[in-house]
N, C-alpha and C. Protein backbone atom coordinates (compact mmCIF):
# COMPACT_ATOMS: atom_id res chain seq x y z
N MET A 1 -72.85 30.54 -75.45
CA MET A 1 -71.75 30.25 -76.01
C MET A 1 -71.43 31.24 -77.28
N LYS A 2 -70.16 31.65 -77.35
CA LYS A 2 -69.93 32.63 -78.32
C LYS A 2 -69.97 31.93 -79.69
N ASN A 3 -70.27 32.82 -80.60
CA ASN A 3 -70.19 32.36 -82.13
C ASN A 3 -68.92 31.61 -82.61
N THR A 4 -67.81 32.17 -82.22
CA THR A 4 -66.53 31.65 -82.58
C THR A 4 -66.33 30.40 -81.92
N GLU A 5 -66.71 30.13 -80.71
CA GLU A 5 -66.61 28.82 -79.98
C GLU A 5 -67.40 27.69 -80.68
N LEU A 6 -68.54 28.22 -80.96
CA LEU A 6 -69.62 27.21 -81.73
C LEU A 6 -68.85 26.86 -83.17
N GLU A 7 -68.43 27.93 -83.79
CA GLU A 7 -67.72 27.66 -85.08
C GLU A 7 -66.55 26.56 -85.05
N ASN A 8 -65.77 26.96 -83.95
CA ASN A 8 -64.46 25.99 -83.66
C ASN A 8 -65.00 24.58 -83.38
N ARG A 9 -65.99 24.50 -82.68
CA ARG A 9 -66.44 23.12 -82.25
C ARG A 9 -66.95 22.42 -83.39
N ASN A 10 -67.81 23.14 -84.44
CA ASN A 10 -68.22 22.50 -85.72
C ASN A 10 -67.16 22.17 -86.53
N ILE A 11 -66.07 22.93 -86.62
CA ILE A 11 -64.91 22.60 -87.41
C ILE A 11 -64.22 21.28 -86.82
N PHE A 12 -64.00 21.29 -85.54
CA PHE A 12 -63.53 20.10 -84.82
C PHE A 12 -64.20 18.81 -85.29
N LYS A 13 -65.53 18.99 -85.15
CA LYS A 13 -66.35 17.77 -85.37
C LYS A 13 -66.23 17.30 -86.88
N GLN A 14 -66.32 18.25 -87.66
CA GLN A 14 -65.99 17.86 -89.17
C GLN A 14 -64.70 17.32 -89.55
N GLN A 15 -63.82 17.79 -88.85
CA GLN A 15 -62.36 17.32 -88.96
C GLN A 15 -62.18 15.95 -88.43
N PHE A 16 -62.80 15.63 -87.27
CA PHE A 16 -62.60 14.30 -86.58
C PHE A 16 -63.49 13.19 -87.47
N LYS A 17 -64.60 13.49 -87.89
CA LYS A 17 -65.33 12.68 -88.80
C LYS A 17 -64.40 12.41 -89.99
N ARG A 18 -63.91 13.48 -90.54
CA ARG A 18 -63.02 13.18 -91.79
C ARG A 18 -61.97 12.35 -91.46
N ARG A 19 -61.22 12.63 -90.40
CA ARG A 19 -60.03 11.79 -89.90
C ARG A 19 -60.47 10.38 -89.80
N CYS A 20 -61.53 10.04 -89.24
CA CYS A 20 -62.16 8.61 -89.00
C CYS A 20 -62.26 7.97 -90.52
N PHE A 21 -63.00 8.86 -91.34
CA PHE A 21 -63.21 8.36 -92.67
C PHE A 21 -61.87 8.08 -93.42
N GLU A 22 -60.97 8.89 -93.26
CA GLU A 22 -59.73 8.69 -93.98
C GLU A 22 -58.90 7.39 -93.39
N PHE A 23 -59.08 7.17 -92.12
CA PHE A 23 -58.46 6.12 -91.47
C PHE A 23 -59.17 4.75 -92.03
N SER A 24 -60.30 4.82 -92.21
CA SER A 24 -61.03 3.65 -92.82
C SER A 24 -60.59 3.25 -94.25
N ILE A 25 -60.40 4.39 -95.06
CA ILE A 25 -59.74 4.41 -96.30
C ILE A 25 -58.35 3.74 -96.34
N GLU A 26 -57.52 4.16 -95.32
CA GLU A 26 -56.29 3.59 -95.19
C GLU A 26 -56.20 2.04 -94.88
N ILE A 27 -57.12 1.70 -94.11
CA ILE A 27 -57.42 0.42 -93.75
C ILE A 27 -57.72 -0.42 -94.90
N LEU A 28 -58.66 0.10 -95.74
CA LEU A 28 -58.94 -0.71 -96.96
C LEU A 28 -57.76 -0.90 -98.05
N LYS A 29 -57.06 0.27 -98.01
CA LYS A 29 -55.77 0.16 -98.90
C LYS A 29 -54.89 -0.85 -98.40
N LEU A 30 -54.59 -0.88 -97.07
CA LEU A 30 -53.82 -2.00 -96.50
C LEU A 30 -54.38 -3.31 -96.70
N SER A 31 -55.46 -3.39 -96.74
CA SER A 31 -56.18 -4.71 -96.95
C SER A 31 -56.07 -5.31 -98.31
N GLU A 32 -55.92 -4.36 -99.26
CA GLU A 32 -55.76 -4.76 -100.71
C GLU A 32 -54.32 -5.22 -100.77
N LEU A 33 -53.33 -4.53 -100.05
CA LEU A 33 -52.00 -4.86 -100.23
C LEU A 33 -51.79 -6.28 -99.58
N LEU A 34 -52.49 -6.58 -98.49
CA LEU A 34 -52.15 -8.01 -97.64
C LEU A 34 -53.00 -8.96 -98.17
N ARG A 35 -53.85 -8.79 -99.04
CA ARG A 35 -54.88 -9.93 -99.45
C ARG A 35 -54.25 -11.11 -100.18
N GLU A 36 -52.97 -10.90 -100.71
CA GLU A 36 -52.50 -12.00 -101.32
C GLU A 36 -52.10 -13.12 -100.52
N LYS A 37 -51.74 -12.88 -99.22
CA LYS A 37 -51.40 -14.02 -98.31
C LYS A 37 -52.76 -14.46 -97.68
N ARG A 38 -53.09 -15.80 -97.90
CA ARG A 38 -54.31 -16.44 -97.51
C ARG A 38 -54.39 -16.30 -95.89
N ALA A 39 -53.35 -16.37 -95.24
CA ALA A 39 -53.29 -16.44 -93.83
C ALA A 39 -53.82 -15.12 -93.27
N ASN A 40 -53.73 -13.98 -94.11
CA ASN A 40 -54.26 -12.71 -93.82
C ASN A 40 -55.84 -12.51 -93.75
N TRP A 41 -56.38 -13.23 -94.74
CA TRP A 41 -57.97 -13.06 -94.93
C TRP A 41 -58.79 -12.83 -93.89
N ILE A 42 -58.71 -13.68 -92.83
CA ILE A 42 -59.71 -13.63 -91.72
C ILE A 42 -59.29 -12.32 -90.89
N LEU A 43 -58.16 -12.09 -90.74
CA LEU A 43 -57.62 -11.01 -90.01
C LEU A 43 -58.19 -9.71 -90.57
N LEU A 44 -57.91 -9.58 -91.98
CA LEU A 44 -58.27 -8.51 -92.69
C LEU A 44 -59.87 -8.12 -92.60
N ASP A 45 -60.59 -9.18 -92.60
CA ASP A 45 -62.05 -9.12 -92.73
C ASP A 45 -62.37 -8.52 -91.28
N GLN A 46 -61.81 -8.98 -90.37
CA GLN A 46 -62.21 -8.43 -88.96
C GLN A 46 -61.62 -6.97 -88.74
N LEU A 47 -60.52 -6.68 -89.27
CA LEU A 47 -59.92 -5.40 -89.28
C LEU A 47 -60.88 -4.52 -89.91
N ILE A 48 -61.34 -4.71 -91.13
CA ILE A 48 -62.22 -3.94 -91.91
C ILE A 48 -63.43 -3.54 -91.05
N ARG A 49 -64.04 -4.61 -90.33
CA ARG A 49 -65.33 -4.51 -89.77
C ARG A 49 -65.07 -3.62 -88.52
N SER A 50 -63.99 -3.79 -87.85
CA SER A 50 -63.81 -2.98 -86.66
C SER A 50 -63.29 -1.58 -87.03
N ALA A 51 -62.46 -1.38 -88.07
CA ALA A 51 -61.94 -0.11 -88.25
C ALA A 51 -63.09 0.78 -88.95
N THR A 52 -63.91 0.16 -89.72
CA THR A 52 -64.96 1.03 -90.17
C THR A 52 -65.99 1.26 -89.34
N SER A 53 -66.09 0.49 -88.37
CA SER A 53 -67.09 0.79 -87.30
C SER A 53 -66.75 1.96 -86.47
N ILE A 54 -65.49 2.30 -86.32
CA ILE A 54 -65.11 3.51 -85.56
C ILE A 54 -65.87 4.75 -86.05
N GLY A 55 -65.56 5.12 -87.32
CA GLY A 55 -66.10 6.26 -87.90
C GLY A 55 -67.66 6.19 -87.85
N ALA A 56 -68.30 5.06 -88.25
CA ALA A 56 -69.70 4.93 -88.53
C ALA A 56 -70.40 5.40 -87.20
N ASN A 57 -69.87 4.75 -86.11
CA ASN A 57 -70.60 5.02 -84.80
C ASN A 57 -70.24 6.46 -84.46
N ILE A 58 -69.25 7.10 -84.98
CA ILE A 58 -68.89 8.58 -84.62
C ILE A 58 -70.04 9.38 -85.40
N VAL A 59 -70.27 9.10 -86.46
CA VAL A 59 -71.28 9.80 -87.23
C VAL A 59 -72.68 9.53 -86.72
N GLU A 60 -73.02 8.30 -86.43
CA GLU A 60 -74.32 7.98 -85.88
C GLU A 60 -74.45 8.70 -84.53
N GLY A 61 -73.35 8.67 -83.68
CA GLY A 61 -73.38 9.49 -82.39
C GLY A 61 -73.66 11.06 -82.54
N GLY A 62 -73.07 11.64 -83.57
CA GLY A 62 -73.28 12.85 -83.81
C GLY A 62 -74.75 13.36 -84.14
N ASN A 63 -75.49 12.24 -84.42
CA ASN A 63 -76.94 12.49 -84.86
C ASN A 63 -77.77 12.03 -83.74
N SER A 64 -77.26 11.81 -82.53
CA SER A 64 -78.11 11.30 -81.43
C SER A 64 -79.05 12.32 -80.95
N THR A 65 -80.11 11.81 -80.39
CA THR A 65 -81.00 12.76 -79.68
C THR A 65 -81.02 12.90 -78.26
N SER A 66 -80.06 12.31 -77.62
CA SER A 66 -79.88 12.48 -76.32
C SER A 66 -78.19 12.20 -75.81
N LYS A 67 -78.00 12.68 -74.75
CA LYS A 67 -76.65 12.64 -74.37
C LYS A 67 -76.29 11.15 -73.99
N LYS A 68 -77.12 10.40 -73.41
CA LYS A 68 -76.89 8.99 -73.24
C LYS A 68 -76.66 8.23 -74.43
N GLU A 69 -77.55 8.44 -75.54
CA GLU A 69 -77.30 7.86 -76.84
C GLU A 69 -75.98 8.20 -77.47
N PHE A 70 -75.59 9.64 -77.19
CA PHE A 70 -74.35 10.03 -77.91
C PHE A 70 -73.33 9.32 -77.37
N ILE A 71 -73.20 9.22 -75.86
CA ILE A 71 -72.26 8.42 -75.19
C ILE A 71 -72.07 7.13 -75.57
N ASN A 72 -73.26 6.35 -75.67
CA ASN A 72 -73.22 4.96 -76.10
C ASN A 72 -72.64 4.65 -77.43
N TYR A 73 -72.83 5.58 -78.57
CA TYR A 73 -72.36 5.46 -79.83
C TYR A 73 -70.78 5.61 -79.85
N PHE A 74 -70.26 6.60 -79.09
CA PHE A 74 -68.90 6.97 -78.84
C PHE A 74 -68.09 5.60 -77.95
N GLN A 75 -68.87 5.23 -77.07
CA GLN A 75 -68.27 4.11 -76.29
C GLN A 75 -68.27 2.76 -77.35
N ILE A 76 -69.23 2.65 -78.40
CA ILE A 76 -68.92 1.52 -79.20
C ILE A 76 -67.77 1.86 -80.22
N SER A 77 -67.77 3.19 -80.29
CA SER A 77 -66.38 3.44 -81.32
C SER A 77 -65.31 3.24 -80.61
N LEU A 78 -65.12 3.57 -79.20
CA LEU A 78 -63.91 3.30 -78.39
C LEU A 78 -63.47 1.76 -78.49
N LYS A 79 -64.53 0.93 -78.34
CA LYS A 79 -64.35 -0.64 -78.40
C LYS A 79 -63.81 -0.98 -79.65
N SER A 80 -64.42 -0.30 -80.83
CA SER A 80 -64.02 -0.77 -82.10
C SER A 80 -62.63 -0.43 -82.32
N ALA A 81 -62.17 0.73 -81.79
CA ALA A 81 -60.69 1.28 -81.86
C ALA A 81 -59.84 0.27 -81.09
N SER A 82 -60.21 -0.22 -79.93
CA SER A 82 -59.50 -1.04 -79.19
C SER A 82 -59.39 -2.54 -80.06
N GLU A 83 -60.40 -2.89 -80.49
CA GLU A 83 -60.39 -4.22 -81.43
C GLU A 83 -59.50 -3.95 -82.82
N THR A 84 -59.68 -2.90 -83.23
CA THR A 84 -58.72 -2.44 -84.42
C THR A 84 -57.25 -2.56 -84.08
N LEU A 85 -56.94 -2.07 -82.93
CA LEU A 85 -55.46 -2.09 -82.48
C LEU A 85 -55.02 -3.55 -82.30
N TYR A 86 -55.97 -4.31 -81.92
CA TYR A 86 -55.52 -5.86 -81.75
C TYR A 86 -55.25 -6.40 -83.09
N TRP A 87 -56.17 -6.29 -84.11
CA TRP A 87 -55.84 -6.88 -85.48
C TRP A 87 -54.74 -6.31 -86.09
N LEU A 88 -54.45 -4.89 -86.01
CA LEU A 88 -53.34 -4.38 -86.63
C LEU A 88 -52.14 -4.87 -85.89
N SER A 89 -52.09 -5.25 -84.61
CA SER A 89 -50.84 -5.79 -84.10
C SER A 89 -50.55 -7.13 -84.59
N LEU A 90 -51.69 -7.89 -84.69
CA LEU A 90 -51.46 -9.33 -85.23
C LEU A 90 -50.86 -9.14 -86.75
N LEU A 91 -51.52 -8.27 -87.50
CA LEU A 91 -50.94 -8.26 -88.82
C LEU A 91 -49.52 -7.64 -88.91
N LYS A 92 -49.22 -6.82 -87.99
CA LYS A 92 -47.84 -6.32 -88.02
C LYS A 92 -46.85 -7.34 -87.73
N GLU A 93 -47.16 -8.38 -86.73
CA GLU A 93 -46.30 -9.36 -86.31
C GLU A 93 -46.27 -10.40 -87.59
N THR A 94 -47.12 -10.55 -88.27
CA THR A 94 -47.09 -11.62 -89.40
C THR A 94 -46.79 -10.97 -90.89
N ASN A 95 -46.55 -9.65 -90.87
CA ASN A 95 -46.28 -9.08 -92.17
C ASN A 95 -45.30 -8.02 -91.97
N LYS A 96 -43.96 -8.44 -91.70
CA LYS A 96 -42.95 -7.56 -91.22
C LYS A 96 -42.51 -6.67 -92.49
N ASP A 97 -42.80 -6.99 -93.63
CA ASP A 97 -42.54 -6.18 -94.81
C ASP A 97 -43.35 -4.90 -94.87
N ARG A 98 -44.47 -4.88 -94.19
CA ARG A 98 -45.33 -3.73 -94.00
C ARG A 98 -45.44 -3.04 -92.69
N GLU A 99 -44.43 -3.37 -91.89
CA GLU A 99 -44.44 -3.00 -90.56
C GLU A 99 -44.56 -1.45 -90.45
N ASP A 100 -43.81 -0.80 -91.40
CA ASP A 100 -43.97 0.72 -91.22
C ASP A 100 -45.35 1.40 -91.33
N THR A 101 -45.99 0.89 -92.46
CA THR A 101 -47.43 1.27 -92.86
C THR A 101 -48.46 0.87 -91.62
N ILE A 102 -48.19 -0.27 -91.28
CA ILE A 102 -49.08 -0.75 -89.94
C ILE A 102 -48.88 0.05 -88.80
N ASN A 103 -47.49 0.34 -88.43
CA ASN A 103 -47.20 1.15 -87.42
C ASN A 103 -47.85 2.67 -87.43
N ASN A 104 -47.82 3.15 -88.77
CA ASN A 104 -48.75 4.47 -88.88
C ASN A 104 -50.10 4.42 -88.67
N LEU A 105 -50.77 3.15 -89.09
CA LEU A 105 -52.11 2.95 -88.85
C LEU A 105 -52.39 2.75 -87.24
N ILE A 106 -51.51 2.07 -86.50
CA ILE A 106 -51.62 1.93 -85.20
C ILE A 106 -51.58 3.29 -84.42
N GLN A 107 -50.65 4.07 -84.96
CA GLN A 107 -50.53 5.38 -84.33
C GLN A 107 -51.77 6.30 -84.47
N GLU A 108 -52.25 6.31 -85.62
CA GLU A 108 -53.51 7.07 -85.96
C GLU A 108 -54.63 6.47 -85.17
N CYS A 109 -54.82 5.29 -85.08
CA CYS A 109 -56.03 4.48 -84.39
C CYS A 109 -55.79 5.01 -82.94
N THR A 110 -54.71 4.86 -82.32
CA THR A 110 -54.31 5.21 -80.83
C THR A 110 -54.81 6.71 -80.74
N GLU A 111 -54.54 7.61 -81.44
CA GLU A 111 -54.87 8.94 -81.40
C GLU A 111 -56.37 9.14 -81.47
N ILE A 112 -56.99 8.47 -82.51
CA ILE A 112 -58.59 8.43 -82.68
C ILE A 112 -59.15 8.04 -81.42
N LYS A 113 -58.48 7.06 -80.79
CA LYS A 113 -59.01 6.37 -79.57
C LYS A 113 -58.88 7.44 -78.38
N LYS A 114 -57.87 8.05 -78.24
CA LYS A 114 -57.72 9.12 -77.21
C LYS A 114 -58.66 10.18 -77.37
N ILE A 115 -58.88 10.60 -78.61
CA ILE A 115 -59.80 11.81 -78.79
C ILE A 115 -61.27 11.24 -78.51
N THR A 116 -61.54 10.03 -78.87
CA THR A 116 -62.99 9.51 -78.61
C THR A 116 -63.09 9.48 -77.02
N SER A 117 -61.99 8.99 -76.23
CA SER A 117 -62.12 8.98 -74.88
C SER A 117 -62.38 10.33 -74.11
N THR A 118 -61.52 11.21 -74.63
CA THR A 118 -61.68 12.58 -74.14
C THR A 118 -63.25 13.16 -74.30
N ILE A 119 -63.67 12.91 -75.46
CA ILE A 119 -65.09 13.27 -75.85
C ILE A 119 -66.06 12.61 -74.86
N ILE A 120 -65.94 11.33 -74.71
CA ILE A 120 -66.76 10.52 -73.76
C ILE A 120 -66.70 11.27 -72.41
N LEU A 121 -65.51 11.49 -71.81
CA LEU A 121 -65.28 11.96 -70.58
C LEU A 121 -65.82 13.41 -70.25
N ASN A 122 -65.63 14.16 -71.53
CA ASN A 122 -66.16 15.60 -71.37
C ASN A 122 -67.70 15.62 -71.40
N THR A 123 -68.23 14.74 -72.14
CA THR A 123 -69.70 14.66 -72.25
C THR A 123 -70.19 14.21 -70.84
N LYS A 124 -69.63 13.18 -70.17
CA LYS A 124 -70.17 12.68 -69.00
C LYS A 124 -70.08 13.80 -67.94
N SER A 125 -69.18 14.47 -68.00
CA SER A 125 -69.03 15.53 -66.99
C SER A 125 -69.62 16.97 -67.25
N ASN A 126 -70.42 16.85 -68.40
CA ASN A 126 -71.29 17.93 -68.92
C ASN A 126 -70.53 19.11 -69.27
N SER A 127 -69.14 18.94 -69.47
CA SER A 127 -68.34 19.77 -70.19
C SER A 127 -68.49 19.91 -71.59
N LYS A 128 -68.22 21.03 -72.27
CA LYS A 128 -68.45 21.26 -73.74
C LYS A 128 -67.29 20.77 -74.44
N PHE A 129 -67.34 19.93 -75.47
CA PHE A 129 -66.28 19.62 -76.30
C PHE A 129 -66.42 20.26 -77.63
């Protein structure tokens, strides 16, 4: 592997981890905005758990000692992203005044999910990502 290719891969990994981290922060900010409505509390608790799990599993996967372990962590992250989309959709329907903010988070989560899926597929097929 060429030095530039390795550098590009490392840059991509760092940017993706950072993107997941920033997504978690935006979820926490949304949570603060929506906490005033009691009906949101349980949804927000679930949302925080699933959304922060995405990045946490990406980071853990990056420290894996085997390809199988790596794929497993990324699959957990993918499942957490799907769950996060569910909670965001529920919140969007019940908090129309925050629809734009929630739509942006749905879009970001969908993109993170697509990237995670691609990484899993490439790793399974022994391609380099």
